[in-house]
Protein backbone atom coordinates (compact mmCIF):
# COMPACT_ATOMS: atom_id res chain seq x y z
CA UNK A 1 45.39 48.96 -56.71
CA UNK A 2 44.34 45.54 -55.43
CA UNK A 3 46.64 45.84 -52.39
CA UNK A 4 45.48 49.38 -51.70
CA UNK A 5 41.87 48.20 -51.45
CA UNK A 6 42.85 45.36 -49.10
CA UNK A 7 44.86 47.76 -46.96
CA UNK A 8 41.93 50.19 -46.79
CA UNK A 9 39.52 47.40 -45.76
CA UNK A 10 41.93 46.11 -43.12
CA UNK A 11 42.39 49.61 -41.66
CA UNK A 12 38.66 50.16 -41.61
CA UNK A 13 38.00 46.87 -39.80
CA UNK A 14 40.73 47.26 -37.21
CA UNK A 15 40.12 50.92 -36.46
CA UNK A 16 36.70 50.05 -35.02
CA UNK A 17 38.21 47.57 -32.59
CA UNK A 18 40.37 49.96 -30.62
CA UNK A 19 40.19 49.87 -26.82
CA UNK A 20 39.70 53.57 -26.28
CA UNK A 21 38.83 54.51 -22.72
CA UNK A 22 37.00 57.74 -22.12
CA UNK A 23 37.64 59.24 -18.72
CA UNK A 24 36.52 62.10 -16.53
CA UNK A 25 38.21 63.75 -13.58
CA UNK A 26 36.91 63.81 -10.03
CA UNK A 27 37.39 67.25 -8.56
CA UNK A 28 36.40 66.81 -4.89
CA UNK A 29 37.03 64.45 -2.05
CA UNK A 30 36.94 63.96 1.68
CA UNK A 31 39.15 62.18 4.19
CA UNK A 32 36.70 60.49 6.54
CA UNK A 33 38.72 61.17 9.71
CA UNK A 34 39.16 64.95 9.76
CA UNK A 35 42.24 64.58 12.01
CA UNK A 36 44.07 62.60 9.30
CA UNK A 37 46.38 64.67 7.09
CA UNK A 38 47.88 63.58 3.76
CA UNK A 39 50.64 65.91 2.52
CA UNK A 40 52.74 65.83 -0.62
CA UNK A 41 56.42 65.08 -0.03
CA UNK A 42 57.29 68.09 -2.16
CA UNK A 43 54.94 70.38 -0.19
CA UNK A 44 52.62 71.01 -3.15
CA UNK A 45 49.41 70.03 -1.33
CA UNK A 46 47.89 69.13 2.02
CA UNK A 47 44.63 67.16 2.27
CA UNK A 48 42.48 67.21 5.40
CA UNK A 49 38.71 66.81 5.70
CA UNK A 50 37.02 68.01 2.49
CA UNK A 51 39.43 68.81 -0.34
CA UNK A 52 39.75 69.75 -3.99
CA UNK A 53 41.77 67.15 -5.89
CA UNK A 54 45.26 68.66 -6.30
CA UNK A 55 46.10 66.30 -9.18
CA UNK A 56 44.68 63.45 -11.23
CA UNK A 57 46.59 60.32 -12.07
CA UNK A 58 45.88 57.83 -14.83
CA UNK A 59 46.86 54.53 -13.26
CA UNK A 60 43.69 52.73 -14.44
CA UNK A 61 44.19 49.68 -12.24
CA UNK A 62 41.27 47.30 -12.10
CA UNK A 63 40.50 44.01 -10.42
CA UNK A 64 41.25 41.90 -13.50
CA UNK A 65 44.77 43.20 -14.06
CA UNK A 66 46.01 43.89 -10.55
CA UNK A 67 45.27 42.56 -7.09
CA UNK A 68 47.01 40.86 -4.20
CA UNK A 69 50.82 41.00 -4.41
CA UNK A 70 50.69 42.90 -7.73
CA UNK A 71 48.63 45.65 -6.10
CA UNK A 72 51.05 45.90 -3.16
CA UNK A 73 53.95 46.45 -5.57
CA UNK A 74 51.82 48.55 -7.95
CA UNK A 75 52.93 51.87 -6.41
CA UNK A 76 56.00 51.94 -8.65
CA UNK A 77 53.93 51.85 -11.85
CA UNK A 78 51.40 54.28 -10.36
CA UNK A 79 54.15 56.87 -9.86
CA UNK A 80 54.80 56.73 -13.59
CA UNK A 81 51.15 57.60 -14.22
CA UNK A 82 50.93 60.64 -11.96
CA UNK A 83 50.60 59.27 -8.42
CA UNK A 84 52.43 61.30 -5.74
CA UNK A 85 54.77 60.58 -2.85
CA UNK A 86 52.99 61.58 0.37
CA UNK A 87 53.29 61.66 4.13
CA UNK A 88 50.33 60.56 6.22
CA UNK A 89 49.59 61.74 9.75
CA UNK A 90 46.94 59.69 11.53
CA UNK A 91 45.66 60.39 15.06
CA UNK A 92 46.49 56.88 16.31
CA UNK A 93 50.23 57.22 15.60
CA UNK A 94 52.87 59.68 16.77
CA UNK A 95 54.98 58.70 13.79
CA UNK A 96 54.30 60.14 10.34
CA UNK A 97 53.78 57.42 7.74
CA UNK A 98 55.09 57.35 4.17
CA UNK A 99 52.97 56.64 1.15
CA UNK A 100 52.06 56.93 -2.50
CA UNK A 101 48.65 58.38 -3.42
CA UNK A 102 46.87 57.85 -6.75
CA UNK A 103 43.77 59.98 -7.39
CA UNK A 104 42.67 58.43 -10.66
CA UNK A 105 40.42 59.76 -13.36
CA UNK A 106 37.25 57.72 -13.78
CA UNK A 107 36.04 55.56 -16.65
CA UNK A 108 32.88 57.22 -18.00
CA UNK A 109 31.12 53.82 -17.87
CA UNK A 110 31.62 53.73 -14.10
CA UNK A 111 28.86 53.85 -11.53
CA UNK A 112 28.60 53.89 -7.76
CA UNK A 113 29.77 56.28 -5.04
CA UNK A 114 33.42 56.15 -6.14
CA UNK A 115 32.76 58.01 -9.40
CA UNK A 116 31.48 61.33 -8.06
CA UNK A 117 34.02 62.09 -5.33
CA UNK A 118 36.94 60.51 -3.50
CA UNK A 119 36.21 59.23 0.01
CA UNK A 120 39.49 58.31 1.64
CA UNK A 121 39.17 55.98 4.60
CA UNK A 122 42.24 54.53 6.31
CA UNK A 123 41.08 51.81 8.75
CA UNK A 124 43.23 51.20 11.83
CA UNK A 125 44.12 47.57 10.90
CA UNK A 126 45.71 48.87 7.66
CA UNK A 127 47.80 51.37 9.63
CA UNK A 128 48.99 48.60 11.96
CA UNK A 129 49.75 46.35 8.96
CA UNK A 130 52.14 49.02 7.62
CA UNK A 131 54.66 48.54 10.48
CA UNK A 132 58.18 47.21 10.09
CA UNK A 133 58.58 48.41 6.51
CA UNK A 134 55.60 46.41 5.27
CA UNK A 135 53.29 47.98 2.71
CA UNK A 136 49.57 48.28 3.34
CA UNK A 137 47.13 49.33 0.59
CA UNK A 138 43.76 51.04 0.95
CA UNK A 139 41.52 52.03 -1.92
CA UNK A 140 38.01 52.67 -3.17
CA UNK A 141 36.60 51.01 -6.26
CA UNK A 142 33.62 51.42 -8.52
CA UNK A 143 31.84 49.17 -11.00
CA UNK A 144 31.72 49.37 -14.79
CA UNK A 145 28.44 49.24 -16.76
CA UNK A 146 28.09 46.48 -19.32
CA UNK A 147 28.28 47.53 -22.93
CA UNK A 148 26.98 45.87 -26.09
CA UNK A 149 30.08 43.70 -26.53
CA UNK A 150 31.35 42.79 -23.06
CA UNK A 151 30.06 41.68 -19.67
CA UNK A 152 31.84 44.11 -17.33
CA UNK A 153 29.98 43.07 -14.17
CA UNK A 154 33.06 41.52 -12.57
CA UNK A 155 35.38 44.47 -13.23
CA UNK A 156 36.06 46.83 -10.35
CA UNK A 157 38.20 49.89 -11.09
CA UNK A 158 40.01 51.82 -8.39
CA UNK A 159 39.15 55.52 -8.04
CA UNK A 160 41.94 56.14 -5.52
CA UNK A 161 44.70 54.02 -4.03
CA UNK A 162 46.96 54.80 -1.05
CA UNK A 163 50.04 52.70 -0.37
CA UNK A 164 51.28 53.11 3.24
CA UNK A 165 54.38 52.13 5.19
CA UNK A 166 56.10 53.28 8.38
CA UNK A 167 59.40 53.31 6.48
CA UNK A 168 60.21 55.14 3.25
CA UNK A 169 60.19 52.07 1.01
CA UNK A 170 58.66 53.96 -1.94
CA UNK A 171 61.72 55.85 -3.22
């Protein structure tokens, strides 16, 4: 009986400390350059201009756990959480580019433009940086509101991430 009470108290204390994340899906987006086309490798979707999100991934990358070299190689993990292999056609290149696209669900504590819709922008320097089999990464992030226990002001979560290369290095 004594051990049962201790077990009950321990379960009660630890159950309140879980790191549950509540998320919501973003349903719409836009590719800033209407001449840019992002298509699924398997032909299941084609994004151009304004679009309805064809899928939602649950990568949940944020600035504290991934950045720099880890973000560049993060496409492999993202594929395991629902990201998709894509092809990217940009007006400045005759060659179709390869990529991995994550359209993540959003933490309900998030705020800023990245929480209401996806706005995909692929700047020209990032396209040029993807030459010779190198990987370039573009993304949009949003901030997290502080809660009663933690200062979240330095956390930036990614709403979408696009890994790009001129060679199919993502398979």
